[in-house]
Amino acid sequence: QFRIRGELQIIAWDEKDEKKSLWREDQWNNISSGMKQSYEWPSPGVNRNSNANDQTDFLDPTPSERPSPNFALLLMTPKIVDVVKLREKPQMRHVHKLTREGHWNAQRVNP
């Protein structure tokens, strides 16, 4: 089991940083056509209308070459990683922390 803490960046359709926008576009180009289509589906968790058409709602439109405005890229910079090995007897737990110098220090702690 991993518990990860850190800084999270959301790169959405309105990203101003061109480099980050390109990262988002690269990830969009790496996902399947079916996955791209899912970003244009009706909102999840919303009640379906009784006359809704699954074929048109879930199979159209053809995915765009440009990322959907509904697609965001999440970038996480981990700072602390807490690892618990649940199958060990007794369970083993280590907490890894990123130092200011960019090195990881690990400490065994009680589970």
N, C-alpha and C. Protein backbone atom coordinates (compact mmCIF):
# COMPACT_ATOMS: atom_id res chain seq x y z
N GLN A 1 0.85 -1.17 0.00
CA GLN A 1 0.00 0.00 0.00
C GLN A 1 0.89 1.23 0.00
N PHE A 2 0.55 2.18 -0.86
CA PHE A 2 1.31 3.42 -0.96
C PHE A 2 0.41 4.59 -0.58
N ARG A 3 0.95 5.49 0.21
CA ARG A 3 0.28 6.76 0.51
C ARG A 3 1.26 7.84 0.06
N ILE A 4 0.82 8.62 -0.91
CA ILE A 4 1.71 9.60 -1.52
C ILE A 4 1.19 11.00 -1.24
N ARG A 5 2.09 11.85 -0.74
CA ARG A 5 1.76 13.26 -0.51
C ARG A 5 2.72 14.11 -1.32
N GLY A 6 2.19 15.19 -1.87
CA GLY A 6 3.03 16.07 -2.65
C GLY A 6 2.24 17.22 -3.24
N GLU A 7 2.84 17.84 -4.23
CA GLU A 7 2.20 18.96 -4.91
C GLU A 7 1.56 18.46 -6.19
N LEU A 8 0.33 18.90 -6.43
CA LEU A 8 -0.40 18.47 -7.61
C LEU A 8 -0.68 19.68 -8.49
N GLN A 9 -0.37 19.54 -9.77
CA GLN A 9 -0.67 20.58 -10.76
C GLN A 9 -1.75 20.04 -11.69
N ILE A 10 -2.72 20.86 -12.00
CA ILE A 10 -3.76 20.50 -12.95
C ILE A 10 -3.53 21.32 -14.21
N ILE A 11 -3.32 20.61 -15.32
CA ILE A 11 -3.10 21.28 -16.60
C ILE A 11 -4.37 21.07 -17.42
N ALA A 12 -5.16 22.12 -17.52
CA ALA A 12 -6.47 22.05 -18.15
C ALA A 12 -6.45 22.77 -19.51
N TRP A 13 -7.61 22.88 -20.10
CA TRP A 13 -7.75 23.47 -21.44
C TRP A 13 -7.29 24.92 -21.50
N ASP A 14 -7.32 25.62 -20.36
CA ASP A 14 -6.98 27.04 -20.35
C ASP A 14 -5.55 27.31 -19.86
N GLU A 15 -4.69 26.30 -19.90
CA GLU A 15 -3.30 26.45 -19.43
C GLU A 15 -2.57 27.52 -20.25
N LYS A 16 -1.92 28.43 -19.55
CA LYS A 16 -1.19 29.52 -20.21
C LYS A 16 0.24 29.12 -20.61
N ASP A 17 0.83 28.21 -19.85
CA ASP A 17 2.21 27.77 -20.11
C ASP A 17 2.21 26.84 -21.33
N GLU A 18 2.85 27.28 -22.41
CA GLU A 18 2.84 26.52 -23.67
C GLU A 18 3.46 25.14 -23.52
N LYS A 19 4.53 25.04 -22.73
CA LYS A 19 5.19 23.75 -22.53
C LYS A 19 4.25 22.75 -21.85
N LYS A 20 3.54 23.21 -20.83
CA LYS A 20 2.59 22.34 -20.13
C LYS A 20 1.42 21.97 -21.05
N SER A 21 0.98 22.91 -21.87
CA SER A 21 -0.09 22.62 -22.83
C SER A 21 0.34 21.53 -23.80
N LEU A 22 1.60 21.55 -24.20
CA LEU A 22 2.13 20.52 -25.09
C LEU A 22 2.18 19.17 -24.38
N TRP A 23 2.52 19.15 -23.09
CA TRP A 23 2.50 17.90 -22.32
C TRP A 23 1.09 17.31 -22.34
N ARG A 24 0.10 18.18 -22.12
CA ARG A 24 -1.30 17.74 -22.12
C ARG A 24 -1.67 17.17 -23.48
N GLU A 25 -1.29 17.86 -24.53
CA GLU A 25 -1.59 17.40 -25.89
C GLU A 25 -0.90 16.07 -26.19
N ASP A 26 0.34 15.90 -25.75
CA ASP A 26 1.06 14.64 -25.94
C ASP A 26 0.32 13.49 -25.26
N GLN A 27 -0.16 13.70 -24.05
CA GLN A 27 -0.89 12.64 -23.34
C GLN A 27 -2.20 12.33 -24.04
N TRP A 28 -2.87 13.35 -24.55
CA TRP A 28 -4.10 13.13 -25.31
C TRP A 28 -3.83 12.24 -26.52
N ASN A 29 -2.72 12.48 -27.19
CA ASN A 29 -2.38 11.71 -28.39
C ASN A 29 -1.99 10.27 -28.05
N ASN A 30 -1.67 9.99 -26.80
CA ASN A 30 -1.26 8.65 -26.39
C ASN A 30 -2.43 7.77 -25.91
N ILE A 31 -3.62 8.33 -25.80
CA ILE A 31 -4.74 7.50 -25.33
C ILE A 31 -5.55 7.00 -26.53
N SER A 32 -6.28 5.93 -26.31
CA SER A 32 -7.03 5.29 -27.39
C SER A 32 -8.20 6.16 -27.84
N SER A 33 -8.69 5.85 -29.03
CA SER A 33 -9.84 6.56 -29.59
C SER A 33 -11.06 6.42 -28.68
N GLY A 34 -11.28 5.21 -28.16
CA GLY A 34 -12.41 4.98 -27.26
C GLY A 34 -12.32 5.81 -26.00
N MET A 35 -11.12 5.91 -25.45
CA MET A 35 -10.94 6.72 -24.24
C MET A 35 -11.17 8.19 -24.56
N LYS A 36 -10.70 8.65 -25.71
CA LYS A 36 -10.94 10.05 -26.11
C LYS A 36 -12.43 10.32 -26.21
N GLN A 37 -13.18 9.38 -26.79
CA GLN A 37 -14.63 9.57 -26.92
C GLN A 37 -15.29 9.74 -25.56
N SER A 38 -14.79 9.04 -24.55
CA SER A 38 -15.43 9.08 -23.23
C SER A 38 -15.41 10.48 -22.62
N TYR A 39 -14.50 11.34 -23.06
CA TYR A 39 -14.44 12.70 -22.53
C TYR A 39 -15.57 13.58 -23.07
N GLU A 40 -16.29 13.09 -24.06
CA GLU A 40 -17.41 13.84 -24.62
C GLU A 40 -18.75 13.24 -24.25
N TRP A 41 -18.74 12.20 -23.43
CA TRP A 41 -19.99 11.58 -23.00
C TRP A 41 -20.77 12.52 -22.09
N PRO A 42 -22.05 12.20 -21.87
CA PRO A 42 -22.82 12.98 -20.89
C PRO A 42 -22.18 12.88 -19.50
N SER A 43 -22.48 13.82 -18.65
CA SER A 43 -21.88 13.88 -17.31
C SER A 43 -22.15 12.61 -16.53
N PRO A 44 -21.11 12.03 -15.90
CA PRO A 44 -21.31 10.81 -15.10
C PRO A 44 -22.12 11.09 -13.85
N GLY A 45 -22.92 10.10 -13.47
CA GLY A 45 -23.71 10.20 -12.25
C GLY A 45 -25.02 10.94 -12.39
N VAL A 46 -25.26 11.53 -13.57
CA VAL A 46 -26.50 12.27 -13.81
C VAL A 46 -27.56 11.28 -14.29
N ASN A 47 -28.80 11.42 -13.83
CA ASN A 47 -29.88 10.53 -14.26
C ASN A 47 -30.03 10.57 -15.77
N ARG A 48 -30.26 9.36 -16.35
CA ARG A 48 -30.44 9.25 -17.79
C ARG A 48 -31.90 9.52 -18.13
N ASN A 49 -32.10 10.26 -19.19
CA ASN A 49 -33.43 10.52 -19.73
C ASN A 49 -33.96 9.22 -20.33
N SER A 50 -35.22 8.92 -20.18
CA SER A 50 -35.78 7.65 -20.66
C SER A 50 -35.68 7.50 -22.17
N ASN A 51 -35.62 8.60 -22.90
CA ASN A 51 -35.49 8.49 -24.36
C ASN A 51 -34.06 8.77 -24.83
N ALA A 52 -33.09 8.70 -23.93
CA ALA A 52 -31.69 8.90 -24.31
C ALA A 52 -31.24 7.78 -25.23
N ASN A 53 -30.36 8.10 -26.15
CA ASN A 53 -29.87 7.12 -27.12
C ASN A 53 -28.42 6.78 -26.78
N ASP A 54 -28.19 5.57 -26.28
CA ASP A 54 -26.84 5.16 -25.90
C ASP A 54 -25.88 5.17 -27.08
N GLN A 55 -26.38 4.83 -28.26
CA GLN A 55 -25.49 4.77 -29.42
C GLN A 55 -24.92 6.14 -29.76
N THR A 56 -25.77 7.15 -29.78
CA THR A 56 -25.26 8.47 -30.14
C THR A 56 -24.59 9.17 -28.96
N ASP A 57 -25.08 8.93 -27.75
CA ASP A 57 -24.49 9.60 -26.59
C ASP A 57 -23.10 9.07 -26.26
N PHE A 58 -22.89 7.77 -26.47
CA PHE A 58 -21.63 7.18 -26.01
C PHE A 58 -20.67 6.80 -27.14
N LEU A 59 -21.09 6.84 -28.37
CA LEU A 59 -20.17 6.47 -29.45
C LEU A 59 -19.78 7.65 -30.32
N ASP A 60 -20.54 8.73 -30.27
CA ASP A 60 -20.20 9.91 -31.04
C ASP A 60 -19.75 10.98 -30.07
N PRO A 61 -19.08 11.97 -30.40
CA PRO A 61 -18.54 12.25 -31.72
C PRO A 61 -17.21 11.55 -31.93
N THR A 62 -16.73 11.60 -33.15
CA THR A 62 -15.40 11.09 -33.44
C THR A 62 -14.42 11.96 -32.67
N PRO A 63 -13.47 11.33 -31.96
CA PRO A 63 -12.55 12.13 -31.14
C PRO A 63 -11.75 13.14 -31.97
N SER A 64 -11.56 14.27 -31.39
CA SER A 64 -10.81 15.35 -32.02
C SER A 64 -9.31 15.09 -31.92
N GLU A 65 -8.59 15.68 -32.84
CA GLU A 65 -7.13 15.63 -32.76
C GLU A 65 -6.62 16.50 -31.62
N ARG A 66 -7.38 17.55 -31.31
CA ARG A 66 -7.04 18.44 -30.20
C ARG A 66 -7.65 17.87 -28.92
N PRO A 67 -7.00 18.05 -27.78
CA PRO A 67 -7.57 17.55 -26.53
C PRO A 67 -8.95 18.14 -26.23
N SER A 68 -9.81 17.31 -25.72
CA SER A 68 -11.13 17.76 -25.29
C SER A 68 -10.96 18.78 -24.16
N PRO A 69 -11.82 19.77 -24.09
CA PRO A 69 -11.77 20.71 -22.96
C PRO A 69 -12.05 20.01 -21.63
N ASN A 70 -12.65 18.81 -21.69
CA ASN A 70 -12.93 18.03 -20.48
C ASN A 70 -11.73 17.22 -20.00
N PHE A 71 -10.65 17.22 -20.77
CA PHE A 71 -9.46 16.43 -20.46
C PHE A 71 -8.43 17.31 -19.75
N ALA A 72 -7.98 16.87 -18.58
CA ALA A 72 -6.94 17.59 -17.84
C ALA A 72 -5.81 16.62 -17.54
N LEU A 73 -4.61 17.14 -17.50
CA LEU A 73 -3.43 16.37 -17.14
C LEU A 73 -3.07 16.72 -15.69
N LEU A 74 -2.88 15.70 -14.87
CA LEU A 74 -2.48 15.91 -13.48
C LEU A 74 -1.02 15.55 -13.34
N LEU A 75 -0.22 16.47 -12.82
CA LEU A 75 1.19 16.23 -12.56
C LEU A 75 1.42 16.30 -11.06
N MET A 76 1.95 15.21 -10.52
CA MET A 76 2.20 15.17 -9.08
C MET A 76 3.70 15.09 -8.84
N THR A 77 4.18 15.95 -7.94
CA THR A 77 5.55 15.90 -7.47
C THR A 77 5.50 15.35 -6.06
N PRO A 78 5.85 14.06 -5.89
CA PRO A 78 5.77 13.49 -4.54
C PRO A 78 6.81 14.10 -3.61
N LYS A 79 6.42 14.28 -2.37
CA LYS A 79 7.31 14.79 -1.32
C LYS A 79 7.51 13.74 -0.23
N ILE A 80 6.45 12.98 0.04
CA ILE A 80 6.50 11.91 1.05
C ILE A 80 5.79 10.69 0.49
N VAL A 81 6.44 9.54 0.59
CA VAL A 81 5.84 8.27 0.17
C VAL A 81 5.88 7.33 1.37
N ASP A 82 4.71 6.92 1.80
CA ASP A 82 4.55 6.02 2.93
C ASP A 82 4.21 4.64 2.36
N VAL A 83 5.07 3.66 2.58
CA VAL A 83 4.90 2.33 2.01
C VAL A 83 4.64 1.33 3.13
N VAL A 84 3.52 0.60 3.01
CA VAL A 84 3.19 -0.44 3.98
C VAL A 84 3.09 -1.76 3.23
N LYS A 85 3.85 -2.75 3.69
CA LYS A 85 3.78 -4.09 3.11
C LYS A 85 2.83 -4.90 3.98
N LEU A 86 1.58 -5.01 3.51
CA LEU A 86 0.52 -5.61 4.32
C LEU A 86 0.65 -7.12 4.44
N ARG A 87 1.31 -7.78 3.52
CA ARG A 87 1.42 -9.25 3.56
C ARG A 87 2.52 -9.73 4.50
N GLU A 88 3.40 -8.85 4.89
CA GLU A 88 4.49 -9.23 5.80
C GLU A 88 3.91 -9.46 7.19
N LYS A 89 4.52 -10.33 7.93
CA LYS A 89 4.13 -10.57 9.32
C LYS A 89 5.37 -10.40 10.18
N PRO A 90 5.52 -9.38 10.97
CA PRO A 90 4.60 -8.25 11.09
C PRO A 90 4.69 -7.36 9.86
N GLN A 91 3.68 -6.52 9.69
CA GLN A 91 3.67 -5.59 8.56
C GLN A 91 4.88 -4.67 8.63
N MET A 92 5.44 -4.38 7.47
CA MET A 92 6.60 -3.48 7.38
C MET A 92 6.13 -2.14 6.81
N ARG A 93 6.65 -1.07 7.41
CA ARG A 93 6.26 0.26 6.95
C ARG A 93 7.50 1.14 6.91
N HIS A 94 7.68 1.83 5.79
CA HIS A 94 8.77 2.79 5.62
C HIS A 94 8.19 4.11 5.10
N VAL A 95 8.68 5.22 5.62
CA VAL A 95 8.30 6.54 5.14
C VAL A 95 9.52 7.13 4.44
N HIS A 96 9.33 7.48 3.16
CA HIS A 96 10.38 8.07 2.34
C HIS A 96 10.06 9.56 2.19
N LYS A 97 11.05 10.40 2.49
CA LYS A 97 10.85 11.85 2.39
C LYS A 97 11.89 12.45 1.46
N LEU A 98 11.44 13.35 0.60
CA LEU A 98 12.32 14.04 -0.33
C LEU A 98 12.97 15.22 0.38
N THR A 99 14.31 15.27 0.34
CA THR A 99 15.04 16.36 0.99
C THR A 99 15.08 17.58 0.07
N ARG A 100 15.48 18.70 0.60
CA ARG A 100 15.62 19.93 -0.19
C ARG A 100 16.66 19.76 -1.31
N GLU A 101 17.61 18.86 -1.07
CA GLU A 101 18.67 18.61 -2.06
C GLU A 101 18.21 17.65 -3.16
N GLY A 102 17.00 17.11 -3.04
CA GLY A 102 16.47 16.22 -4.06
C GLY A 102 16.78 14.75 -3.84
N HIS A 103 17.20 14.38 -2.64
CA HIS A 103 17.48 12.98 -2.32
C HIS A 103 16.34 12.43 -1.45
N TRP A 104 16.18 11.11 -1.51
CA TRP A 104 15.16 10.46 -0.70
C TRP A 104 15.79 9.84 0.53
N ASN A 105 15.18 10.13 1.67
CA ASN A 105 15.58 9.49 2.93
C ASN A 105 14.43 8.56 3.34
N ALA A 106 14.80 7.35 3.75
CA ALA A 106 13.79 6.38 4.18
C ALA A 106 13.98 6.09 5.66
N GLN A 107 12.86 5.94 6.34
CA GLN A 107 12.87 5.62 7.76
C GLN A 107 11.84 4.53 8.02
N ARG A 108 12.28 3.46 8.66
CA ARG A 108 11.33 2.44 9.04
C ARG A 108 10.54 2.95 10.24
N VAL A 109 9.22 2.79 10.19
CA VAL A 109 8.36 3.24 11.28
C VAL A 109 7.41 2.11 11.66
N ASN A 110 6.77 2.27 12.80
CA ASN A 110 5.79 1.29 13.23
C ASN A 110 4.60 1.28 12.28
N PRO A 111 4.07 0.08 11.98
CA PRO A 111 2.92 0.03 11.06
C PRO A 111 1.67 0.67 11.64
